C-alpha cells in the first residue's frame, strides 16, 4: 500500500480549512442572532465582564 503524502497533506489541509471556516461561520451566525435578539446590550455586558475578569 503506497500513499502519496502530498495528496494526504492537501486533503488534510482542505478538511482543516473547512472546519475552521465552519467554526468562524457558527461564531458569526451566533453573534448575529444575539445582536438581532438583544441588541448591543449583550455585547456591552460581555465586554464589561471580560474587562472585569482581566482586572
PDB file of N, CA and C in Angstrom:
ATOM      1  N   UNK A   1       0.850  -1.182   0.000  1.00  0.00           N
ATOM      2  CA  UNK A   1       0.000   0.000   0.000  1.00  0.00           C
ATOM      3  C   UNK A   1       0.889   1.236   0.000  1.00  0.00           C
ATOM      4  N   UNK A   2       0.785   2.024  -1.026  1.00  0.00           N
ATOM      5  CA  UNK A   2       1.611   3.216  -1.184  1.00  0.00           C
ATOM      6  C   UNK A   2       0.716   4.453  -1.137  1.00  0.00           C
ATOM      7  N   UNK A   3       0.977   5.338  -0.184  1.00  0.00           N
ATOM      8  CA  UNK A   3       0.165   6.541  -0.022  1.00  0.00           C
ATOM      9  C   UNK A   3       1.007   7.736  -0.416  1.00  0.00           C
ATOM     10  N   UNK A   4       0.495   8.547  -1.303  1.00  0.00           N
ATOM     11  CA  UNK A   4       1.192   9.770  -1.712  1.00  0.00           C
ATOM     12  C   UNK A   4       0.998  10.818  -0.621  1.00  0.00           C
ATOM     13  N   UNK A   5       2.065  11.153   0.090  1.00  0.00           N
ATOM     14  CA  UNK A   5       1.939  12.056   1.236  1.00  0.00           C
ATOM     15  C   UNK A   5       1.518  13.459   0.827  1.00  0.00           C
ATOM     16  N   UNK A   6       1.875  13.899  -0.349  1.00  0.00           N
ATOM     17  CA  UNK A   6       1.459  15.225  -0.808  1.00  0.00           C
ATOM     18  C   UNK A   6      -0.048  15.314  -0.941  1.00  0.00           C
ATOM     19  N   UNK A   7      -0.646  14.249  -1.440  1.00  0.00           N
ATOM     20  CA  UNK A   7      -2.093  14.226  -1.607  1.00  0.00           C
ATOM     21  C   UNK A   7      -2.794  14.173  -0.254  1.00  0.00           C
ATOM     22  N   UNK A   8      -2.262  13.404   0.682  1.00  0.00           N
ATOM     23  CA  UNK A   8      -2.860  13.311   2.008  1.00  0.00           C
ATOM     24  C   UNK A   8      -2.757  14.656   2.717  1.00  0.00           C
ATOM     25  N   UNK A   9      -1.598  15.293   2.640  1.00  0.00           N
ATOM     26  CA  UNK A   9      -1.437  16.600   3.281  1.00  0.00           C
ATOM     27  C   UNK A   9      -2.389  17.632   2.700  1.00  0.00           C
ATOM     28  N   UNK A  10      -2.589  17.581   1.388  1.00  0.00           N
ATOM     29  CA  UNK A  10      -3.510  18.523   0.752  1.00  0.00           C
ATOM     30  C   UNK A  10      -4.946  18.248   1.208  1.00  0.00           C
ATOM     31  N   UNK A  11      -5.304  16.984   1.334  1.00  0.00           N
ATOM     32  CA  UNK A  11      -6.649  16.639   1.786  1.00  0.00           C
ATOM     33  C   UNK A  11      -6.847  17.066   3.245  1.00  0.00           C
ATOM     34  N   UNK A  12      -5.850  16.837   4.095  1.00  0.00           N
ATOM     35  CA  UNK A  12      -5.945  17.265   5.487  1.00  0.00           C
ATOM     36  C   UNK A  12      -6.073  18.778   5.579  1.00  0.00           C
ATOM     37  N   UNK A  13      -5.339  19.483   4.733  1.00  0.00           N
ATOM     38  CA  UNK A  13      -5.415  20.949   4.730  1.00  0.00           C
ATOM     39  C   UNK A  13      -6.821  21.419   4.357  1.00  0.00           C
ATOM     40  N   UNK A  14      -7.433  20.744   3.371  1.00  0.00           N
ATOM     41  CA  UNK A  14      -8.803  21.102   2.981  1.00  0.00           C
ATOM     42  C   UNK A  14      -9.780  20.862   4.126  1.00  0.00           C
ATOM     43  N   UNK A  15      -9.617  19.731   4.814  1.00  0.00           N
ATOM     44  CA  UNK A  15     -10.507  19.407   5.929  1.00  0.00           C
ATOM     45  C   UNK A  15     -10.339  20.436   7.046  1.00  0.00           C
ATOM     46  N   UNK A  16      -9.089  20.767   7.379  1.00  0.00           N
ATOM     47  CA  UNK A  16      -8.840  21.754   8.433  1.00  0.00           C
ATOM     48  C   UNK A  16      -9.413  23.111   8.070  1.00  0.00           C
ATOM     49  N   UNK A  17      -9.213  23.536   6.834  1.00  0.00           N
ATOM     50  CA  UNK A  17      -9.744  24.832   6.410  1.00  0.00           C
ATOM     51  C   UNK A  17     -11.276  24.820   6.421  1.00  0.00           C
ATOM     52  N   UNK A  18     -11.864  23.698   6.045  1.00  0.00           N
ATOM     53  CA  UNK A  18     -13.319  23.580   6.081  1.00  0.00           C
ATOM     54  C   UNK A  18     -13.853  23.665   7.500  1.00  0.00           C
ATOM     55  N   UNK A  19     -13.188  22.985   8.433  1.00  0.00           N
ATOM     56  CA  UNK A  19     -13.611  23.043   9.834  1.00  0.00           C
ATOM     57  C   UNK A  19     -13.425  24.443  10.409  1.00  0.00           C
ATOM     58  N   UNK A  20     -12.320  25.088  10.063  1.00  0.00           N
ATOM     59  CA  UNK A  20     -12.075  26.446  10.528  1.00  0.00           C
ATOM     60  C   UNK A  20     -13.130  27.409   9.979  1.00  0.00           C
ATOM     61  N   UNK A  21     -13.456  27.270   8.710  1.00  0.00           N
ATOM     62  CA  UNK A  21     -14.475  28.122   8.102  1.00  0.00           C
ATOM     63  C   UNK A  21     -15.843  27.880   8.752  1.00  0.00           C
ATOM     64  N   UNK A  22     -16.166  26.623   9.043  1.00  0.00           N
ATOM     65  CA  UNK A  22     -17.436  26.305   9.689  1.00  0.00           C
ATOM     66  C   UNK A  22     -17.498  26.892  11.093  1.00  0.00           C
ATOM     67  N   UNK A  23     -16.376  26.830  11.828  1.00  0.00           N
ATOM     68  CA  UNK A  23     -16.343  27.393  13.184  1.00  0.00           C
ATOM     69  C   UNK A  23     -16.535  28.896  13.146  1.00  0.00           C
ATOM     70  N   UNK A  24     -15.860  29.572  12.221  1.00  0.00           N
ATOM     71  CA  UNK A  24     -15.999  31.027  12.097  1.00  0.00           C
ATOM     72  C   UNK A  24     -17.424  31.385  11.707  1.00  0.00           C
ATOM     73  N   UNK A  25     -18.001  30.633  10.788  1.00  0.00           N
ATOM     74  CA  UNK A  25     -19.378  30.888  10.366  1.00  0.00           C
ATOM     75  C   UNK A  25     -20.350  30.717  11.523  1.00  0.00           C
ATOM     76  N   UNK A  26     -20.138  29.697  12.351  1.00  0.00           N
ATOM     77  CA  UNK A  26     -21.000  29.482  13.517  1.00  0.00           C
ATOM     78  C   UNK A  26     -20.884  30.643  14.509  1.00  0.00           C
ATOM     79  N   UNK A  27     -19.663  31.108  14.753  1.00  0.00           N
ATOM     80  CA  UNK A  27     -19.476  32.238  15.670  1.00  0.00           C
ATOM     81  C   UNK A  27     -20.138  33.506  15.141  1.00  0.00           C
ATOM     82  N   UNK A  28     -19.976  33.767  13.860  1.00  0.00           N
ATOM     83  CA  UNK A  28     -20.585  34.954  13.269  1.00  0.00           C
ATOM     84  C   UNK A  28     -22.109  34.847  13.304  1.00  0.00           C
ATOM     85  N   UNK A  29     -22.635  33.673  12.985  1.00  0.00           N
ATOM     86  CA  UNK A  29     -24.092  33.483  12.994  1.00  0.00           C
ATOM     87  C   UNK A  29     -24.660  33.624  14.402  1.00  0.00           C
ATOM     88  N   UNK A  30     -23.988  33.035  15.401  1.00  0.00           N
ATOM     89  CA  UNK A  30     -24.499  33.157  16.767  1.00  0.00           C
ATOM     90  C   UNK A  30     -24.407  34.603  17.251  1.00  0.00           C
ATOM     91  N   UNK A  31     -23.333  35.301  16.895  1.00  0.00           N
ATOM     92  CA  UNK A  31     -23.237  36.725  17.242  1.00  0.00           C
ATOM     93  C   UNK A  31     -24.329  37.545  16.579  1.00  0.00           C
ATOM     94  N   UNK A  32     -24.625  37.222  15.326  1.00  0.00           N
ATOM     95  CA  UNK A  32     -25.704  37.927  14.622  1.00  0.00           C
ATOM     96  C   UNK A  32     -27.060  37.675  15.254  1.00  0.00           C
ATOM     97  N   UNK A  33     -27.302  36.434  15.668  1.00  0.00           N
ATOM     98  CA  UNK A  33     -28.582  36.117  16.323  1.00  0.00           C
ATOM     99  C   UNK A  33     -28.688  36.843  17.663  1.00  0.00           C
ATOM    100  N   UNK A  34     -27.590  36.848  18.438  1.00  0.00           N
ATOM    101  CA  UNK A  34     -27.616  37.574  19.714  1.00  0.00           C
ATOM    102  C   UNK A  34     -27.853  39.065  19.493  1.00  0.00           C
ATOM    103  N   UNK A  35     -27.201  39.615  18.485  1.00  0.00           N
ATOM    104  CA  UNK A  35     -27.370  41.048  18.203  1.00  0.00           C
ATOM    105  C   UNK A  35     -28.803  41.345  17.784  1.00  0.00           C
ATOM    106  N   UNK A  36     -29.359  40.482  16.936  1.00  0.00           N
ATOM    107  CA  UNK A  36     -30.726  40.682  16.457  1.00  0.00           C
ATOM    108  C   UNK A  36     -31.719  40.563  17.607  1.00  0.00           C
ATOM    109  N   UNK A  37     -31.451  39.640  18.515  1.00  0.00           N
ATOM    110  CA  UNK A  37     -32.368  39.342  19.608  1.00  0.00           C
ATOM    111  C   UNK A  37     -32.274  40.356  20.748  1.00  0.00           C
ATOM    112  N   UNK A  38     -31.068  40.715  21.140  1.00  0.00           N
ATOM    113  CA  UNK A  38     -30.888  41.538  22.330  1.00  0.00           C
ATOM    114  C   UNK A  38     -30.252  42.896  22.063  1.00  0.00           C
ATOM    115  N   UNK A  39     -29.882  43.162  20.835  1.00  0.00           N
ATOM    116  CA  UNK A  39     -29.243  44.428  20.517  1.00  0.00           C
ATOM    117  C   UNK A  39     -27.826  44.489  21.059  1.00  0.00           C
ATOM    118  N   UNK A  40     -27.337  45.681  21.288  1.00  0.00           N
ATOM    119  CA  UNK A  40     -25.969  45.856  21.737  1.00  0.00           C
ATOM    120  C   UNK A  40     -25.749  45.537  23.201  1.00  0.00           C
ATOM    121  N   UNK A  41     -26.824  45.349  23.969  1.00  0.00           N
ATOM    122  CA  UNK A  41     -26.681  45.144  25.416  1.00  0.00           C
ATOM    123  C   UNK A  41     -25.869  43.900  25.741  1.00  0.00           C
ATOM    124  N   UNK A  42     -26.094  42.827  25.013  1.00  0.00           N
ATOM    125  CA  UNK A  42     -25.383  41.586  25.310  1.00  0.00           C
ATOM    126  C   UNK A  42     -23.893  41.747  25.074  1.00  0.00           C
ATOM    127  N   UNK A  43     -23.529  42.505  24.040  1.00  0.00           N
ATOM    128  CA  UNK A  43     -22.117  42.691  23.744  1.00  0.00           C
ATOM    129  C   UNK A  43     -21.470  43.664  24.717  1.00  0.00           C
ATOM    130  N   UNK A  44     -22.206  44.683  25.143  1.00  0.00           N
ATOM    131  CA  UNK A  44     -21.679  45.592  26.166  1.00  0.00           C
ATOM    132  C   UNK A  44     -21.429  44.838  27.463  1.00  0.00           C
ATOM    133  N   UNK A  45     -22.369  43.993  27.855  1.00  0.00           N
ATOM    134  CA  UNK A  45     -22.193  43.187  29.069  1.00  0.00           C
ATOM    135  C   UNK A  45     -21.007  42.240  28.925  1.00  0.00           C
ATOM    136  N   UNK A  46     -20.849  41.662  27.750  1.00  0.00           N
ATOM    137  CA  UNK A  46     -19.744  40.748  27.507  1.00  0.00           C
ATOM    138  C   UNK A  46     -18.403  41.464  27.626  1.00  0.00           C
ATOM    139  N   UNK A  47     -18.303  42.654  27.044  1.00  0.00           N
ATOM    140  CA  UNK A  47     -17.058  43.426  27.111  1.00  0.00           C
ATOM    141  C   UNK A  47     -16.769  43.834  28.545  1.00  0.00           C
ATOM    142  N   UNK A  48     -17.777  44.311  29.258  1.00  0.00           N
ATOM    143  CA  UNK A  48     -17.576  44.732  30.658  1.00  0.00           C
ATOM    144  C   UNK A  48     -17.186  43.547  31.542  1.00  0.00           C
ATOM    145  N   UNK A  49     -17.808  42.394  31.313  1.00  0.00           N
ATOM    146  CA  UNK A  49     -17.463  41.212  32.079  1.00  0.00           C
ATOM    147  C   UNK A  49     -16.033  40.766  31.777  1.00  0.00           C
ATOM    148  N   UNK A  50     -15.654  40.821  30.539  1.00  0.00           N
ATOM    149  CA  UNK A  50     -14.292  40.447  30.169  1.00  0.00           C
ATOM    150  C   UNK A  50     -13.277  41.378  30.801  1.00  0.00           C
ATOM    151  N   UNK A  51     -13.558  42.668  30.771  1.00  0.00           N
ATOM    152  CA  UNK A  51     -12.650  43.636  31.420  1.00  0.00           C
ATOM    153  C   UNK A  51     -12.591  43.415  32.919  1.00  0.00           C
ATOM    154  N   UNK A  52     -13.722  43.095  33.534  1.00  0.00           N
ATOM    155  CA  UNK A  52     -13.740  42.839  34.964  1.00  0.00           C
ATOM    156  C   UNK A  52     -12.883  41.619  35.306  1.00  0.00           C
ATOM    157  N   UNK A  53     -12.943  40.579  34.488  1.00  0.00           N
ATOM    158  CA  UNK A  53     -12.112  39.397  34.726  1.00  0.00           C
ATOM    159  C   UNK A  53     -10.644  39.712  34.557  1.00  0.00           C
ATOM    160  N   UNK A  54     -10.322  40.609  33.635  1.00  0.00           N
ATOM    161  CA  UNK A  54      -8.912  40.965  33.412  1.00  0.00           C
ATOM    162  C   UNK A  54      -8.336  41.731  34.594  1.00  0.00           C
ATOM    163  N   UNK A  55      -9.144  42.577  35.187  1.00  0.00           N
ATOM    164  CA  UNK A  55      -8.648  43.398  36.295  1.00  0.00           C
ATOM    165  C   UNK A  55      -9.008  42.796  37.620  1.00  0.00           C
TER     166      UNK A  55
END
